[in-house]
Amino acid sequence: MDFFTYTLILLLVGLLVGFLAGLLGVGGGFIMGPVQFWLLSYLGLDPNLAIRVAFATSLTATIPTAMSGAAGHYNKGAVDSKPALIIGIPSFLAAFLGAIITSKAPASTLSVVFGVVIIILALWMLRSENPDTTIQSRHMTPILIIIGLGTGLLSGALGIGGGTILIPMLVMIMGCSMHRAIGTSVTVVIFTALGGVVSYIINGWNVSGLPPYSVGYVNLLNLIILIIATVPMAQVGVKASHMIPAKKLKYIYIILMIYIGLRMMGVFSWLNLPI
């Protein structure tokens, strides 16, 4: 594979991820991670290193992408700042721990567990109402902290931003409207991703065999190519998000959740489907 093809694939992935980040408040690691793993493995990198580099770089690309999306949603009044901070701080700490877990052990089991959880949440969300309220953080702080810890742990372990878990929690448990859940989620993703990235850099600092231009497990070449596309496309996704009614947005998100769940469980690989 030549450098042009390699770059083109990452740019196309970045465009899709950036749009989804703005549209649905997700980090996009569930797309960036597998694609980078495939590319790095194709180039001959050891699979155990490739999966860690893919997760770490995906999580790093999530930070500027989420910042772009969060700014857009904030300008439209769709971010509940205080709850985002309450969730974000424990999420940062838990993501740090989650990345340590992946740095020391295979992530295949966690991936299957994550997939099952996502499918369950998607079906639960399908039956939920469509509230149109802000997050009431008063007397809800312990719940928000628990949500942050769970989201951060999965995020750090699997190289994802955590929005796939967080948005259903905000909608179904906290009674948040879909648009506010997306705006708040993409804000929390900044904290979550940062915690995981710091851990991946520390744990991969002296590891041998990493690809060129790597800082710990984070590959700077892949990172730059990805964020060139993700950051501007996040703004496009934000605009599209606020043009879609909340009910339709919820159903789009449920479809995405089911796809992510099946993919993380390896169902498409078992069926030999290239999706």
C-alpha atoms as a PDB file:
ATOM      1  CA  MET A   1       0.000   0.000   0.000  1.00  0.00           C
ATOM      2  CA  ASP A   2       1.451   3.378  -1.013  1.00  0.00           C
ATOM      3  CA  PHE A   3       1.406   6.491   1.169  1.00  0.00           C
ATOM      4  CA  PHE A   4      -1.265   8.185  -0.979  1.00  0.00           C
ATOM      5  CA  THR A   5      -3.735   5.320  -0.525  1.00  0.00           C
ATOM      6  CA  TYR A   6      -2.937   5.106   3.191  1.00  0.00           C
ATOM      7  CA  THR A   7      -3.557   8.840   3.614  1.00  0.00           C
ATOM      8  CA  LEU A   8      -6.729   8.813   1.512  1.00  0.00           C
ATOM      9  CA  ILE A   9      -8.266   6.038   3.614  1.00  0.00           C
ATOM     10  CA  LEU A  10      -7.553   7.914   6.843  1.00  0.00           C
ATOM     11  CA  LEU A  11      -8.910  11.188   5.418  1.00  0.00           C
ATOM     12  CA  LEU A  12     -12.164   9.529   4.342  1.00  0.00           C
ATOM     13  CA  VAL A  13     -12.497   7.934   7.771  1.00  0.00           C
ATOM     14  CA  GLY A  14     -11.825  11.328   9.346  1.00  0.00           C
ATOM     15  CA  LEU A  15     -14.569  12.995   7.313  1.00  0.00           C
ATOM     16  CA  LEU A  16     -17.111  10.383   8.426  1.00  0.00           C
ATOM     17  CA  VAL A  17     -16.006  10.461  12.062  1.00  0.00           C
ATOM     18  CA  GLY A  18     -16.024  14.255  12.235  1.00  0.00           C
ATOM     19  CA  PHE A  19     -19.549  14.421  10.853  1.00  0.00           C
ATOM     20  CA  LEU A  20     -20.814  11.770  13.290  1.00  0.00           C
ATOM     21  CA  ALA A  21     -19.107  13.534  16.209  1.00  0.00           C
ATOM     22  CA  GLY A  22     -20.994  16.735  15.508  1.00  0.00           C
ATOM     23  CA  LEU A  23     -24.237  15.028  14.527  1.00  0.00           C
ATOM     24  CA  LEU A  24     -24.514  12.450  17.316  1.00  0.00           C
ATOM     25  CA  GLY A  25     -21.968  13.415  19.976  1.00  0.00           C
ATOM     26  CA  VAL A  26     -19.827  10.303  19.607  1.00  0.00           C
ATOM     27  CA  GLY A  27     -16.038  10.213  19.470  1.00  0.00           C
ATOM     28  CA  GLY A  28     -15.845   7.904  16.465  1.00  0.00           C
ATOM     29  CA  GLY A  29     -13.249   5.533  17.891  1.00  0.00           C
ATOM     30  CA  PHE A  30     -15.432   2.590  16.895  1.00  0.00           C
ATOM     31  CA  ILE A  31     -14.607   3.514  13.269  1.00  0.00           C
ATOM     32  CA  MET A  32     -11.106   4.992  13.583  1.00  0.00           C
ATOM     33  CA  GLY A  33      -9.855   2.145  15.781  1.00  0.00           C
ATOM     34  CA  PRO A  34     -10.673  -0.825  13.508  1.00  0.00           C
ATOM     35  CA  VAL A  35      -9.533   0.993  10.346  1.00  0.00           C
ATOM     36  CA  GLN A  36      -6.189   1.970  11.866  1.00  0.00           C
ATOM     37  CA  PHE A  37      -5.735  -1.550  13.243  1.00  0.00           C
ATOM     38  CA  TRP A  38      -6.287  -2.961   9.756  1.00  0.00           C
ATOM     39  CA  LEU A  39      -3.886  -0.469   8.146  1.00  0.00           C
ATOM     40  CA  LEU A  40      -1.138  -0.966  10.721  1.00  0.00           C
ATOM     41  CA  SER A  41      -1.489  -4.762  10.626  1.00  0.00           C
ATOM     42  CA  TYR A  42      -1.394  -4.662   6.826  1.00  0.00           C
ATOM     43  CA  LEU A  43       1.910  -2.786   7.036  1.00  0.00           C
ATOM     44  CA  GLY A  44       3.321  -5.561   9.233  1.00  0.00           C
ATOM     45  CA  LEU A  45       3.046  -4.131  12.745  1.00  0.00           C
ATOM     46  CA  ASP A  46       2.603  -6.736  15.466  1.00  0.00           C
ATOM     47  CA  PRO A  47      -1.166  -7.091  16.174  1.00  0.00           C
ATOM     48  CA  ASN A  48      -0.696  -6.573  19.918  1.00  0.00           C
ATOM     49  CA  LEU A  49       1.014  -3.252  19.222  1.00  0.00           C
ATOM     50  CA  ALA A  50      -1.310  -2.359  16.347  1.00  0.00           C
ATOM     51  CA  ILE A  51      -4.431  -2.582  18.519  1.00  0.00           C
ATOM     52  CA  ARG A  52      -2.917  -0.352  21.196  1.00  0.00           C
ATOM     53  CA  VAL A  53      -1.661   2.212  18.681  1.00  0.00           C
ATOM     54  CA  ALA A  54      -5.061   2.196  16.967  1.00  0.00           C
ATOM     55  CA  PHE A  55      -6.941   2.741  20.240  1.00  0.00           C
ATOM     56  CA  ALA A  56      -4.543   5.399  21.523  1.00  0.00           C
ATOM     57  CA  THR A  57      -4.436   7.386  18.279  1.00  0.00           C
ATOM     58  CA  SER A  58      -8.221   7.204  17.866  1.00  0.00           C
ATOM     59  CA  LEU A  59      -8.716   8.518  21.368  1.00  0.00           C
ATOM     60  CA  THR A  60      -6.240  11.349  20.745  1.00  0.00           C
ATOM     61  CA  ALA A  61      -7.991  12.361  17.514  1.00  0.00           C
ATOM     62  CA  THR A  62     -11.225  12.469  19.479  1.00  0.00           C
ATOM     63  CA  ILE A  63     -10.032  15.427  21.594  1.00  0.00           C
ATOM     64  CA  PRO A  64      -9.825  18.190  18.939  1.00  0.00           C
ATOM     65  CA  THR A  65     -12.822  16.687  17.145  1.00  0.00           C
ATOM     66  CA  ALA A  66     -14.921  16.794  20.310  1.00  0.00           C
ATOM     67  CA  MET A  67     -13.733  20.329  21.070  1.00  0.00           C
ATOM     68  CA  SER A  68     -14.935  21.448  17.643  1.00  0.00           C
ATOM     69  CA  GLY A  69     -18.307  19.737  18.119  1.00  0.00           C
ATOM     70  CA  ALA A  70     -18.719  20.973  21.692  1.00  0.00           C
ATOM     71  CA  ALA A  71     -18.094  24.577  20.642  1.00  0.00           C
ATOM     72  CA  GLY A  72     -20.740  24.305  17.953  1.00  0.00           C
ATOM     73  CA  HIS A  73     -23.350  22.790  20.291  1.00  0.00           C
ATOM     74  CA  TYR A  74     -22.517  25.305  23.039  1.00  0.00           C
ATOM     75  CA  ASN A  75     -23.156  28.174  20.657  1.00  0.00           C
ATOM     76  CA  LYS A  76     -26.594  26.699  20.015  1.00  0.00           C
ATOM     77  CA  GLY A  77     -27.338  26.422  23.752  1.00  0.00           C
ATOM     78  CA  ALA A  78     -27.281  22.630  23.783  1.00  0.00           C
ATOM     79  CA  VAL A  79     -24.592  21.986  26.445  1.00  0.00           C
ATOM     80  CA  ASP A  80     -25.354  21.593  30.172  1.00  0.00           C
ATOM     81  CA  SER A  81     -21.968  22.740  31.457  1.00  0.00           C
ATOM     82  CA  LYS A  82     -22.171  21.854  35.172  1.00  0.00           C
ATOM     83  CA  PRO A  83     -23.310  18.226  34.668  1.00  0.00           C
ATOM     84  CA  ALA A  84     -20.703  17.875  31.900  1.00  0.00           C
ATOM     85  CA  LEU A  85     -18.004  18.842  34.419  1.00  0.00           C
ATOM     86  CA  ILE A  86     -19.386  16.540  37.120  1.00  0.00           C
ATOM     87  CA  ILE A  87     -19.355  13.607  34.683  1.00  0.00           C
ATOM     88  CA  GLY A  88     -16.130  14.645  32.985  1.00  0.00           C
ATOM     89  CA  ILE A  89     -13.755  14.639  35.976  1.00  0.00           C
ATOM     90  CA  PRO A  90     -14.411  11.035  37.131  1.00  0.00           C
ATOM     91  CA  SER A  91     -14.550  10.027  33.471  1.00  0.00           C
ATOM     92  CA  PHE A  92     -11.018  11.384  32.995  1.00  0.00           C
ATOM     93  CA  LEU A  93      -9.728   9.321  35.933  1.00  0.00           C
ATOM     94  CA  ALA A  94     -11.547   6.145  34.893  1.00  0.00           C
ATOM     95  CA  ALA A  95     -10.350   6.466  31.281  1.00  0.00           C
ATOM     96  CA  PHE A  96      -6.772   6.632  32.583  1.00  0.00           C
ATOM     97  CA  LEU A  97      -7.355   3.305  34.350  1.00  0.00           C
ATOM     98  CA  GLY A  98      -9.133   1.803  31.335  1.00  0.00           C
ATOM     99  CA  ALA A  99      -6.179   2.540  29.087  1.00  0.00           C
ATOM    100  CA  ILE A 100      -3.857   0.811  31.569  1.00  0.00           C
ATOM    101  CA  ILE A 101      -6.058  -2.289  31.357  1.00  0.00           C
ATOM    102  CA  THR A 102      -5.780  -2.362  27.562  1.00  0.00           C
ATOM    103  CA  SER A 103      -2.048  -1.677  27.723  1.00  0.00           C
ATOM    104  CA  LYS A 104      -1.582  -4.800  29.839  1.00  0.00           C
ATOM    105  CA  ALA A 105      -4.161  -7.221  28.411  1.00  0.00           C
ATOM    106  CA  PRO A 106      -6.063  -8.043  25.180  1.00  0.00           C
ATOM    107  CA  ALA A 107      -9.207  -5.994  24.664  1.00  0.00           C
ATOM    108  CA  SER A 108     -11.239  -8.667  22.872  1.00  0.00           C
ATOM    109  CA  THR A 109     -13.319  -9.649  25.921  1.00  0.00           C
ATOM    110  CA  LEU A 110     -14.022  -6.027  26.807  1.00  0.00           C
ATOM    111  CA  SER A 111     -15.078  -5.423  23.228  1.00  0.00           C
ATOM    112  CA  VAL A 112     -17.712  -8.180  23.337  1.00  0.00           C
ATOM    113  CA  VAL A 113     -19.012  -6.990  26.723  1.00  0.00           C
ATOM    114  CA  PHE A 114     -19.232  -3.444  25.379  1.00  0.00           C
ATOM    115  CA  GLY A 115     -21.163  -4.659  22.336  1.00  0.00           C
ATOM    116  CA  VAL A 116     -23.722  -6.482  24.465  1.00  0.00           C
ATOM    117  CA  VAL A 117     -24.194  -3.440  26.719  1.00  0.00           C
ATOM    118  CA  ILE A 118     -24.702  -1.167  23.709  1.00  0.00           C
ATOM    119  CA  ILE A 119     -27.369  -3.444  22.195  1.00  0.00           C
ATOM    120  CA  ILE A 120     -29.240  -3.540  25.520  1.00  0.00           C
ATOM    121  CA  LEU A 121     -29.080   0.254  25.838  1.00  0.00           C
ATOM    122  CA  ALA A 122     -30.291   0.682  22.250  1.00  0.00           C
ATOM    123  CA  LEU A 123     -33.359  -1.475  22.899  1.00  0.00           C
ATOM    124  CA  TRP A 124     -33.989   0.338  26.198  1.00  0.00           C
ATOM    125  CA  MET A 125     -33.678   3.702  24.489  1.00  0.00           C
ATOM    126  CA  LEU A 126     -36.110   2.590  21.778  1.00  0.00           C
ATOM    127  CA  ARG A 127     -38.820   2.259  24.433  1.00  0.00           C
ATOM    128  CA  SER A 128     -38.038   5.542  26.201  1.00  0.00           C
ATOM    129  CA  GLU A 129     -39.900   8.818  25.846  1.00  0.00           C
ATOM    130  CA  ASN A 130     -38.521  11.918  24.126  1.00  0.00           C
ATOM    131  CA  PRO A 131     -37.983  14.473  26.923  1.00  0.00           C
ATOM    132  CA  ASP A 132     -37.149  18.095  26.248  1.00  0.00           C
ATOM    133  CA  THR A 133     -35.452  19.233  29.438  1.00  0.00           C
ATOM    134  CA  THR A 134     -32.042  20.186  30.750  1.00  0.00           C
ATOM    135  CA  ILE A 135     -30.117  17.872  33.071  1.00  0.00           C
ATOM    136  CA  GLN A 136     -31.136  18.469  36.666  1.00  0.00           C
ATOM    137  CA  SER A 137     -27.794  18.020  38.427  1.00  0.00           C
ATOM    138  CA  ARG A 138     -29.103  18.918  41.895  1.00  0.00           C
ATOM    139  CA  HIS A 139     -29.356  15.763  44.017  1.00  0.00           C
ATOM    140  CA  MET A 140     -28.104  13.844  40.959  1.00  0.00           C
ATOM    141  CA  THR A 141     -24.368  14.307  41.512  1.00  0.00           C
ATOM    142  CA  PRO A 142     -23.708  10.708  42.751  1.00  0.00           C
ATOM    143  CA  ILE A 143     -25.476   9.296  39.691  1.00  0.00           C
ATOM    144  CA  LEU A 144     -23.554  11.604  37.359  1.00  0.00           C
ATOM    145  CA  ILE A 145     -20.262  10.510  38.980  1.00  0.00           C
ATOM    146  CA  ILE A 146     -21.143   6.827  38.543  1.00  0.00           C
ATOM    147  CA  ILE A 147     -22.068   7.459  34.898  1.00  0.00           C
ATOM    148  CA  GLY A 148     -18.737   9.234  34.425  1.00  0.00           C
ATOM    149  CA  LEU A 149     -16.750   6.367  35.953  1.00  0.00           C
ATOM    150  CA  GLY A 150     -18.442   3.731  33.795  1.00  0.00           C
ATOM    151  CA  THR A 151     -18.164   5.778  30.625  1.00  0.00           C
ATOM    152  CA  GLY A 152     -14.509   6.602  31.252  1.00  0.00           C
ATOM    153  CA  LEU A 153     -13.504   3.017  32.004  1.00  0.00           C
ATOM    154  CA  LEU A 154     -14.960   1.701  28.748  1.00  0.00           C
ATOM    155  CA  SER A 155     -13.628   4.654  26.810  1.00  0.00           C
ATOM    156  CA  GLY A 156     -10.040   4.222  27.946  1.00  0.00           C
ATOM    157  CA  ALA A 157     -10.129   0.452  27.514  1.00  0.00           C
ATOM    158  CA  LEU A 158     -11.584   0.492  23.996  1.00  0.00           C
ATOM    159  CA  GLY A 159     -10.233   3.725  22.533  1.00  0.00           C
ATOM    160  CA  ILE A 160     -13.648   5.350  22.109  1.00  0.00           C
ATOM    161  CA  GLY A 161     -14.934   8.714  23.237  1.00  0.00           C
ATOM    162  CA  GLY A 162     -17.702   7.210  25.369  1.00  0.00           C
ATOM    163  CA  GLY A 163     -20.674   9.035  23.852  1.00  0.00           C
ATOM    164  CA  THR A 164     -22.238   5.736  22.836  1.00  0.00           C
ATOM    165  CA  ILE A 165     -22.711   4.893  26.502  1.00  0.00           C
ATOM    166  CA  LEU A 166     -23.213   8.402  27.839  1.00  0.00           C
ATOM    167  CA  ILE A 167     -26.015   9.647  25.576  1.00  0.00           C
ATOM    168  CA  PRO A 168     -28.468   6.836  26.450  1.00  0.00           C
ATOM    169  CA  MET A 169     -27.703   7.419  30.133  1.00  0.00           C
ATOM    170  CA  LEU A 170     -28.423  11.151  29.843  1.00  0.00           C
ATOM    171  CA  VAL A 171     -31.659  10.571  27.944  1.00  0.00           C
ATOM    172  CA  MET A 172     -33.080   7.669  29.946  1.00  0.00           C
ATOM    173  CA  ILE A 173     -31.768   8.238  33.464  1.00  0.00           C
ATOM    174  CA  MET A 174     -31.323  12.004  33.589  1.00  0.00           C
ATOM    175  CA  GLY A 175     -34.352  12.911  31.435  1.00  0.00           C
ATOM    176  CA  CYS A 176     -32.280  14.993  29.042  1.00  0.00           C
ATOM    177  CA  SER A 177     -33.494  15.969  25.576  1.00  0.00           C
ATOM    178  CA  MET A 178     -31.731  14.339  22.655  1.00  0.00           C
ATOM    179  CA  HIS A 179     -30.099  17.543  21.425  1.00  0.00           C
ATOM    180  CA  ARG A 180     -28.829  18.442  24.918  1.00  0.00           C
ATOM    181  CA  ALA A 181     -27.612  14.891  25.497  1.00  0.00           C
ATOM    182  CA  ILE A 182     -25.549  15.098  22.308  1.00  0.00           C
ATOM    183  CA  GLY A 183     -24.113  18.527  23.150  1.00  0.00           C
ATOM    184  CA  THR A 184     -23.287  17.558  26.731  1.00  0.00           C
ATOM    185  CA  SER A 185     -21.882  14.193  25.675  1.00  0.00           C
ATOM    186  CA  VAL A 186     -19.449  15.614  23.142  1.00  0.00           C
ATOM    187  CA  THR A 187     -18.233  18.007  25.858  1.00  0.00           C
ATOM    188  CA  VAL A 188     -17.627  15.155  28.318  1.00  0.00           C
ATOM    189  CA  VAL A 189     -15.789  13.247  25.577  1.00  0.00           C
ATOM    190  CA  ILE A 190     -12.987  15.845  25.783  1.00  0.00           C
ATOM    191  CA  PHE A 191     -12.299  14.928  29.423  1.00  0.00           C
ATOM    192  CA  THR A 192     -12.696  11.210  28.845  1.00  0.00           C
ATOM    193  CA  ALA A 193     -10.411  11.048  25.842  1.00  0.00           C
ATOM    194  CA  LEU A 194      -7.747  13.136  27.559  1.00  0.00           C
ATOM    195  CA  GLY A 195      -7.566  10.722  30.504  1.00  0.00           C
ATOM    196  CA  GLY A 196      -7.099   7.744  28.211  1.00  0.00           C
ATOM    197  CA  VAL A 197      -4.525   9.502  26.034  1.00  0.00           C
ATOM    198  CA  VAL A 198      -2.299  10.447  28.970  1.00  0.00           C
ATOM    199  CA  SER A 199      -2.327   6.825  30.102  1.00  0.00           C
ATOM    200  CA  TYR A 200      -1.562   5.448  26.627  1.00  0.00           C
ATOM    201  CA  ILE A 201       1.397   7.814  26.269  1.00  0.00           C
ATOM    202  CA  ILE A 202       2.847   6.881  29.674  1.00  0.00           C
ATOM    203  CA  ASN A 203       2.354   3.129  29.250  1.00  0.00           C
ATOM    204  CA  GLY A 204       3.757   3.086  25.723  1.00  0.00           C
ATOM    205  CA  TRP A 205       6.692   5.445  26.298  1.00  0.00           C
ATOM    206  CA  ASN A 206       9.552   2.916  26.213  1.00  0.00           C
ATOM    207  CA  VAL A 207       7.850   0.191  24.191  1.00  0.00           C
ATOM    208  CA  SER A 208       9.939  -1.054  21.261  1.00  0.00           C
ATOM    209  CA  GLY A 209       8.643  -1.832  17.775  1.00  0.00           C
ATOM    210  CA  LEU A 210       6.224   1.098  17.531  1.00  0.00           C
ATOM    211  CA  PRO A 211       5.762   2.765  14.118  1.00  0.00           C
ATOM    212  CA  PRO A 212       7.738   5.953  13.315  1.00  0.00           C
ATOM    213  CA  TYR A 213       6.503   9.277  14.735  1.00  0.00           C
ATOM    214  CA  SER A 214       4.920   7.691  17.802  1.00  0.00           C
ATOM    215  CA  VAL A 215       4.689   9.278  21.245  1.00  0.00           C
ATOM    216  CA  GLY A 216       3.940   6.369  23.513  1.00  0.00           C
ATOM    217  CA  TYR A 217       1.190   4.448  21.754  1.00  0.00           C
ATOM    218  CA  VAL A 218      -0.043   7.585  19.940  1.00  0.00           C
ATOM    219  CA  ASN A 219       1.040   7.759  16.302  1.00  0.00           C
ATOM    220  CA  LEU A 220       1.408  11.404  15.279  1.00  0.00           C
ATOM    221  CA  LEU A 221       1.290  10.744  11.537  1.00  0.00           C
ATOM    222  CA  ASN A 222      -2.100   9.024  11.694  1.00  0.00           C
ATOM    223  CA  LEU A 223      -3.305  11.629  14.170  1.00  0.00           C
ATOM    224  CA  ILE A 224      -2.536  14.620  11.949  1.00  0.00           C
ATOM    225  CA  ILE A 225      -4.134  13.037   8.891  1.00  0.00           C
ATOM    226  CA  LEU A 226      -7.288  12.195  10.832  1.00  0.00           C
ATOM    227  CA  ILE A 227      -7.838  15.553  12.535  1.00  0.00           C
ATOM    228  CA  ILE A 228      -7.317  17.481   9.301  1.00  0.00           C
ATOM    229  CA  ALA A 229     -10.662  15.956   8.290  1.00  0.00           C
ATOM    230  CA  THR A 230     -12.465  15.427  11.619  1.00  0.00           C
ATOM    231  CA  VAL A 231     -12.248  18.943  13.070  1.00  0.00           C
ATOM    232  CA  PRO A 232     -13.945  20.893  10.238  1.00  0.00           C
ATOM    233  CA  MET A 233     -16.477  18.124   9.557  1.00  0.00           C
ATOM    234  CA  ALA A 234     -17.604  18.211  13.198  1.00  0.00           C
ATOM    235  CA  GLN A 235     -19.044  21.682  12.551  1.00  0.00           C
ATOM    236  CA  VAL A 236     -20.978  20.346   9.574  1.00  0.00           C
ATOM    237  CA  GLY A 237     -22.355  17.591  11.797  1.00  0.00           C
ATOM    238  CA  VAL A 238     -23.455  20.119  14.455  1.00  0.00           C
ATOM    239  CA  LYS A 239     -25.447  22.097  11.889  1.00  0.00           C
ATOM    240  CA  ALA A 240     -27.077  18.929  10.586  1.00  0.00           C
ATOM    241  CA  SER A 241     -27.897  17.775  14.125  1.00  0.00           C
ATOM    242  CA  HIS A 242     -29.920  20.882  14.937  1.00  0.00           C
ATOM    243  CA  MET A 243     -31.859  20.612  11.686  1.00  0.00           C
ATOM    244  CA  ILE A 244     -33.189  17.151  12.573  1.00  0.00           C
ATOM    245  CA  PRO A 245     -36.159  16.741  14.978  1.00  0.00           C
ATOM    246  CA  ALA A 246     -35.216  15.119  18.309  1.00  0.00           C
ATOM    247  CA  LYS A 247     -37.360  12.012  17.713  1.00  0.00           C
ATOM    248  CA  LYS A 248     -35.762  11.276  14.342  1.00  0.00           C
ATOM    249  CA  LEU A 249     -32.332  11.975  15.804  1.00  0.00           C
ATOM    250  CA  LYS A 250     -32.986   9.414  18.509  1.00  0.00           C
ATOM    251  CA  TYR A 251     -33.855   6.723  15.969  1.00  0.00           C
ATOM    252  CA  ILE A 252     -30.737   7.521  13.924  1.00  0.00           C
ATOM    253  CA  TYR A 253     -28.702   7.149  17.090  1.00  0.00           C
ATOM    254  CA  ILE A 254     -30.364   3.834  17.989  1.00  0.00           C
ATOM    255  CA  ILE A 255     -29.493   2.432  14.549  1.00  0.00           C
ATOM    256  CA  LEU A 256     -25.898   3.558  15.027  1.00  0.00           C
ATOM    257  CA  MET A 257     -25.787   1.955  18.487  1.00  0.00           C
ATOM    258  CA  ILE A 258     -27.014  -1.389  17.159  1.00  0.00           C
ATOM    259  CA  TYR A 259     -24.402  -1.270  14.391  1.00  0.00           C
ATOM    260  CA  ILE A 260     -21.628  -0.441  16.894  1.00  0.00           C
ATOM    261  CA  GLY A 261     -22.783  -3.181  19.255  1.00  0.00           C
ATOM    262  CA  LEU A 262     -22.807  -5.858  16.561  1.00  0.00           C
ATOM    263  CA  ARG A 263     -19.439  -4.681  15.252  1.00  0.00           C
ATOM    264  CA  MET A 264     -17.796  -4.702  18.690  1.00  0.00           C
ATOM    265  CA  MET A 265     -19.182  -8.199  19.305  1.00  0.00           C
ATOM    266  CA  GLY A 266     -17.580  -9.369  16.056  1.00  0.00           C
ATOM    267  CA  VAL A 267     -20.874 -10.417  14.449  1.00  0.00           C
ATOM    268  CA  PHE A 268     -19.978  -8.962  11.044  1.00  0.00           C
ATOM    269  CA  SER A 269     -16.617 -10.756  11.087  1.00  0.00           C
ATOM    270  CA  TRP A 270     -18.308 -14.064  11.899  1.00  0.00           C
ATOM    271  CA  LEU A 271     -20.612 -13.555   8.910  1.00  0.00           C
ATOM    272  CA  ASN A 272     -17.710 -12.422   6.694  1.00  0.00           C
ATOM    273  CA  LEU A 273     -19.416  -9.108   6.009  1.00  0.00           C
ATOM    274  CA  PRO A 274     -17.056  -6.207   5.121  1.00  0.00           C
ATOM    275  CA  ILE A 275     -18.939  -3.590   7.192  1.00  0.00           C
END
